[in-house]
Protein backbone atom coordinates (compact mmCIF):
# COMPACT_ATOMS: atom_id res chain seq x y z
CA UNK A 1 0.11 -0.03 0.00
CA UNK A 2 1.21 3.28 -0.67
CA UNK A 3 0.44 5.82 2.17
CA UNK A 4 1.10 10.08 2.52
CA UNK A 5 3.20 11.30 4.99
CA UNK A 6 1.90 14.78 6.35
CA UNK A 7 5.28 16.78 7.23
CA UNK A 8 5.21 20.34 9.22
CA UNK A 9 7.99 23.24 10.18
CA UNK A 10 11.47 22.02 9.91
CA UNK A 11 10.93 18.27 8.35
CA UNK A 12 8.61 20.11 5.95
CA UNK A 13 12.10 22.66 5.45
CA UNK A 14 14.24 19.35 5.19
CA UNK A 15 12.86 17.99 2.50
CA UNK A 16 11.68 20.56 0.30
CA UNK A 17 7.75 19.32 0.60
CA UNK A 18 5.39 18.80 2.96
CA UNK A 19 4.69 14.99 2.16
CA UNK A 20 6.08 11.74 1.20
CA UNK A 21 5.68 8.72 0.01
CA UNK A 22 6.13 5.45 1.49
CA UNK A 23 5.10 1.85 -0.11
CA UNK A 24 4.88 -0.99 2.85
CA UNK A 25 3.19 -4.25 3.29
CA UNK A 26 -0.60 -4.39 4.52
CA UNK A 27 -0.39 -5.24 8.00
CA UNK A 28 3.18 -2.59 8.52
CA UNK A 29 2.55 -0.28 11.37
CA UNK A 30 3.88 2.74 12.87
CA UNK A 31 7.51 1.44 13.50
CA UNK A 32 7.66 0.36 9.88
CA UNK A 33 6.74 4.28 8.67
CA UNK A 34 8.94 5.55 10.06
CA UNK A 35 12.28 3.45 9.11
CA UNK A 36 10.91 3.65 6.14
CA UNK A 37 10.87 7.23 5.98
CA UNK A 38 14.17 7.28 7.73
CA UNK A 39 15.85 6.12 4.16
CA UNK A 40 14.82 9.21 2.51
CA UNK A 41 18.02 10.71 1.58
CA UNK A 42 16.05 14.28 2.55
CA UNK A 43 15.49 13.11 6.40
CA UNK A 44 17.82 10.86 6.96
CA UNK A 45 20.33 12.84 8.87
CA UNK A 46 17.24 14.77 10.95
CA UNK A 47 14.91 11.66 11.99
CA UNK A 48 17.73 10.19 14.18
CA UNK A 49 18.13 12.82 16.59
CA UNK A 50 14.77 14.72 16.52
CA UNK A 51 12.17 13.27 18.71
CA UNK A 52 9.26 13.07 16.95
CA UNK A 53 5.67 11.55 17.00
CA UNK A 54 3.31 10.25 14.61
CA UNK A 55 -0.32 11.12 14.75
CA UNK A 56 -2.88 8.54 12.83
CA UNK A 57 -6.57 10.11 11.50
CA UNK A 58 -5.55 12.67 14.07
CA UNK A 59 -4.71 10.90 16.83
CA UNK A 60 -1.13 10.39 18.33
CA UNK A 61 -0.13 7.15 18.58
CA UNK A 62 2.27 4.86 18.95
CA UNK A 63 5.13 3.04 17.45
CA UNK A 64 2.99 -0.84 17.52
CA UNK A 65 -0.46 1.26 15.93
CA UNK A 66 -0.88 -0.64 12.83
CA UNK A 67 -1.65 1.46 9.78
CA UNK A 68 -3.95 1.23 6.95
CA UNK A 69 -4.52 2.46 3.20
CA UNK A 70 -6.82 5.27 3.72
CA UNK A 71 -5.07 6.50 7.00
CA UNK A 72 -4.56 10.20 7.41
CA UNK A 73 -1.11 10.30 8.37
CA UNK A 74 1.65 13.07 10.43
CA UNK A 75 4.86 12.68 11.13
CA UNK A 76 5.39 15.38 14.26
CA UNK A 77 8.50 17.39 15.48
CA UNK A 78 8.46 19.27 18.91
CA UNK A 79 5.93 22.14 19.50
CA UNK A 80 7.22 25.28 20.02
CA UNK A 81 6.12 26.52 22.82
CA UNK A 82 6.59 23.81 25.54
CA UNK A 83 9.35 21.33 26.49
CA UNK A 84 10.32 18.35 23.72
CA UNK A 85 9.15 14.78 25.24
CA UNK A 86 9.93 11.98 23.93
CA UNK A 87 9.31 8.50 25.31
CA UNK A 88 9.26 4.95 23.32
CA UNK A 89 9.31 0.87 24.32
CA UNK A 90 11.00 -0.94 21.83
CA UNK A 91 12.08 -4.57 21.05
CA UNK A 92 14.82 -2.98 19.40
CA UNK A 93 18.41 -2.21 20.77
CA UNK A 94 18.89 1.51 22.82
CA UNK A 95 20.89 4.30 21.05
CA UNK A 96 21.92 6.42 23.69
CA UNK A 97 23.74 8.92 20.73
CA UNK A 98 20.61 9.34 19.18
CA UNK A 99 18.50 10.39 22.76
CA UNK A 100 21.57 12.71 23.09
CA UNK A 101 21.07 13.92 20.10
CA UNK A 102 17.29 14.91 20.82
CA UNK A 103 17.81 17.25 23.15
CA UNK A 104 20.38 18.91 21.85
CA UNK A 105 19.15 22.84 21.81
CA UNK A 106 21.45 25.97 21.21
CA UNK A 107 20.42 27.03 25.31
CA UNK A 108 21.46 23.93 26.92
CA UNK A 109 24.74 24.44 28.78
CA UNK A 110 24.23 20.23 30.12
CA UNK A 111 23.80 17.12 28.66
CA UNK A 112 22.82 14.00 30.83
CA UNK A 113 22.36 10.85 29.88
CA UNK A 114 21.61 7.48 31.95
CA UNK A 115 22.09 3.54 30.96
CA UNK A 116 20.37 0.95 32.76
CA UNK A 117 22.89 -1.81 31.82
CA UNK A 118 22.50 -5.76 32.37
CA UNK A 119 24.63 -7.16 34.35
CA UNK A 120 25.96 -9.74 36.16
CA UNK A 121 23.56 -11.95 34.45
CA UNK A 122 23.56 -13.43 31.08
CA UNK A 123 20.71 -11.15 30.20
CA UNK A 124 17.22 -9.80 30.92
CA UNK A 125 14.21 -10.29 29.42
CA UNK A 126 12.08 -7.21 30.07
CA UNK A 127 8.25 -7.04 29.64
CA UNK A 128 5.84 -4.30 29.81
CA UNK A 129 2.06 -3.01 29.74
CA UNK A 130 2.78 -0.53 26.92
CA UNK A 131 -0.41 0.95 26.05
CA UNK A 132 0.11 2.62 29.86
CA UNK A 133 3.71 2.78 30.35
CA UNK A 134 4.72 4.58 27.41
CA UNK A 135 2.28 8.00 29.03
CA UNK A 136 3.33 7.10 32.00
CA UNK A 137 7.14 7.35 30.70
CA UNK A 138 5.81 11.37 29.30
CA UNK A 139 3.95 11.72 31.94
CA UNK A 140 6.73 11.46 34.24
CA UNK A 141 9.32 13.30 31.52
CA UNK A 142 6.94 16.48 31.44
CA UNK A 143 6.78 16.52 35.26
CA UNK A 144 10.53 16.51 35.12
CA UNK A 145 11.05 19.14 32.95
CA UNK A 146 8.23 21.53 34.71
CA UNK A 147 9.59 20.44 38.06
CA UNK A 148 13.43 20.89 37.31
CA UNK A 149 13.70 23.17 34.52
CA UNK A 150 14.82 20.92 31.17
CA UNK A 151 15.05 22.24 28.25
CA UNK A 152 14.51 18.44 26.66
CA UNK A 153 13.91 15.11 28.08
CA UNK A 154 13.62 11.50 26.46
CA UNK A 155 13.77 8.08 27.97
CA UNK A 156 13.44 5.17 25.95
CA UNK A 157 12.76 1.69 28.21
CA UNK A 158 13.83 -1.84 25.73
CA UNK A 159 11.17 -5.15 26.09
CA UNK A 160 11.78 -8.35 25.50
CA UNK A 161 16.28 -9.96 26.28
CA UNK A 162 18.71 -8.11 26.93
CA UNK A 163 22.06 -9.42 26.55
CA UNK A 164 25.02 -8.64 29.37
CA UNK A 165 26.88 -5.20 28.29
CA UNK A 166 23.86 -3.91 26.62
CA UNK A 167 20.93 -0.83 28.11
CA UNK A 168 17.57 -1.62 28.82
CA UNK A 169 16.44 1.98 29.94
CA UNK A 170 18.00 5.16 29.14
CA UNK A 171 17.12 8.79 30.33
CA UNK A 172 17.93 11.63 28.29
CA UNK A 173 17.85 14.92 29.38
CA UNK A 174 19.20 18.44 28.23
CA UNK A 175 18.97 22.30 30.88
CA UNK A 176 21.66 25.53 30.96
CA UNK A 177 23.31 23.80 33.71
CA UNK A 178 24.59 21.31 35.06
CA UNK A 179 22.44 20.90 38.81
CA UNK A 180 19.26 20.37 36.86
CA UNK A 181 19.39 18.21 34.36
CA UNK A 182 20.85 16.35 36.69
CA UNK A 183 18.40 16.52 39.00
CA UNK A 184 15.88 15.98 36.49
CA UNK A 185 18.21 12.27 34.71
CA UNK A 186 17.51 10.94 38.47
CA UNK A 187 14.22 11.91 39.60
CA UNK A 188 12.88 10.65 35.84
CA UNK A 189 14.89 6.79 35.77
CA UNK A 190 13.22 6.46 39.86
CA UNK A 191 10.12 7.42 38.95
CA UNK A 192 10.50 5.18 35.83
CA UNK A 193 11.65 2.73 37.76
CA UNK A 194 9.18 2.79 40.39
CA UNK A 195 5.98 3.96 38.34
CA UNK A 196 5.92 2.43 34.76
CA UNK A 197 4.42 -1.12 34.14
CA UNK A 198 7.74 -2.51 33.22
CA UNK A 199 8.73 -5.98 34.69
CA UNK A 200 12.35 -7.98 34.42
CA UNK A 201 13.71 -11.33 34.74
CA UNK A 202 16.42 -12.69 35.27
CA UNK A 203 17.90 -15.23 33.30
CA UNK A 204 21.54 -17.86 33.74
CA UNK A 205 23.59 -18.88 32.01
CA UNK A 206 22.33 -22.47 32.43
CA UNK A 207 19.04 -21.26 31.71
CA UNK A 208 17.77 -21.03 35.14
CA UNK A 209 15.72 -17.46 35.07
CA UNK A 210 13.49 -15.72 37.94
CA UNK A 211 11.49 -12.62 38.92
CA UNK A 212 13.02 -9.48 40.25
CA UNK A 213 11.08 -8.65 42.63
CA UNK A 214 9.69 -4.69 42.87
CA UNK A 215 7.61 -3.01 44.59
CA UNK A 216 4.30 -2.10 44.37
CA UNK A 217 3.18 0.79 41.97
CA UNK A 218 2.35 3.81 43.24
CA UNK A 219 -1.36 5.47 44.21
CA UNK A 220 -2.80 8.64 42.83
CA UNK A 221 -1.53 11.69 44.49
CA UNK A 222 0.68 14.38 44.10
CA UNK A 223 4.32 14.93 42.13
CA UNK A 224 5.85 15.29 46.47
CA UNK A 225 3.86 12.00 47.18
CA UNK A 226 5.71 9.60 44.29
CA UNK A 227 8.93 10.80 45.38
């Protein structure tokens, strides 16, 4: 199927046109469309470092959303008037460098990147309630932007098997000064671990496994109540 994807602002200027067409098989998802867009020479440099969202039929959707030939698609760059916030749960290996580039800004004097890396076991298997985890992560980042005066914040969490030495979660924030950046990154990862419905199972080299015990999910309340 041939899909037309509308472009806006810096994406439109970079591509030199207000829309692009991609050819995808039936059953393709938003993630497939984004990968195809990244092959466009005019967008190949910009997309990996820009936290974009896809809108389908006038609604923001996740990367797992299946596309149809008659869908109205739009690629949404960060919106003027608010700090850039990006959150994703993905089966793919995470790229701290890409996320760090995505939060870059001329006014940013500090960029802090946290990587949670598999250690001591052969691998970690992550499972997530993705439909809830991504919005929860986004809200946490928005809270951190407001609380610490961040310029931008991004987080990705991997699901499925994560071998030893590879990151299972990455949080990156930018701010004018290092104090705000360190504080914002610390709060973001602490709250993602406490609030996002994501679970991990340790798997040893012999194949033995066990779920890592956690804490009950927090009840609704103020930011201060959750910290």
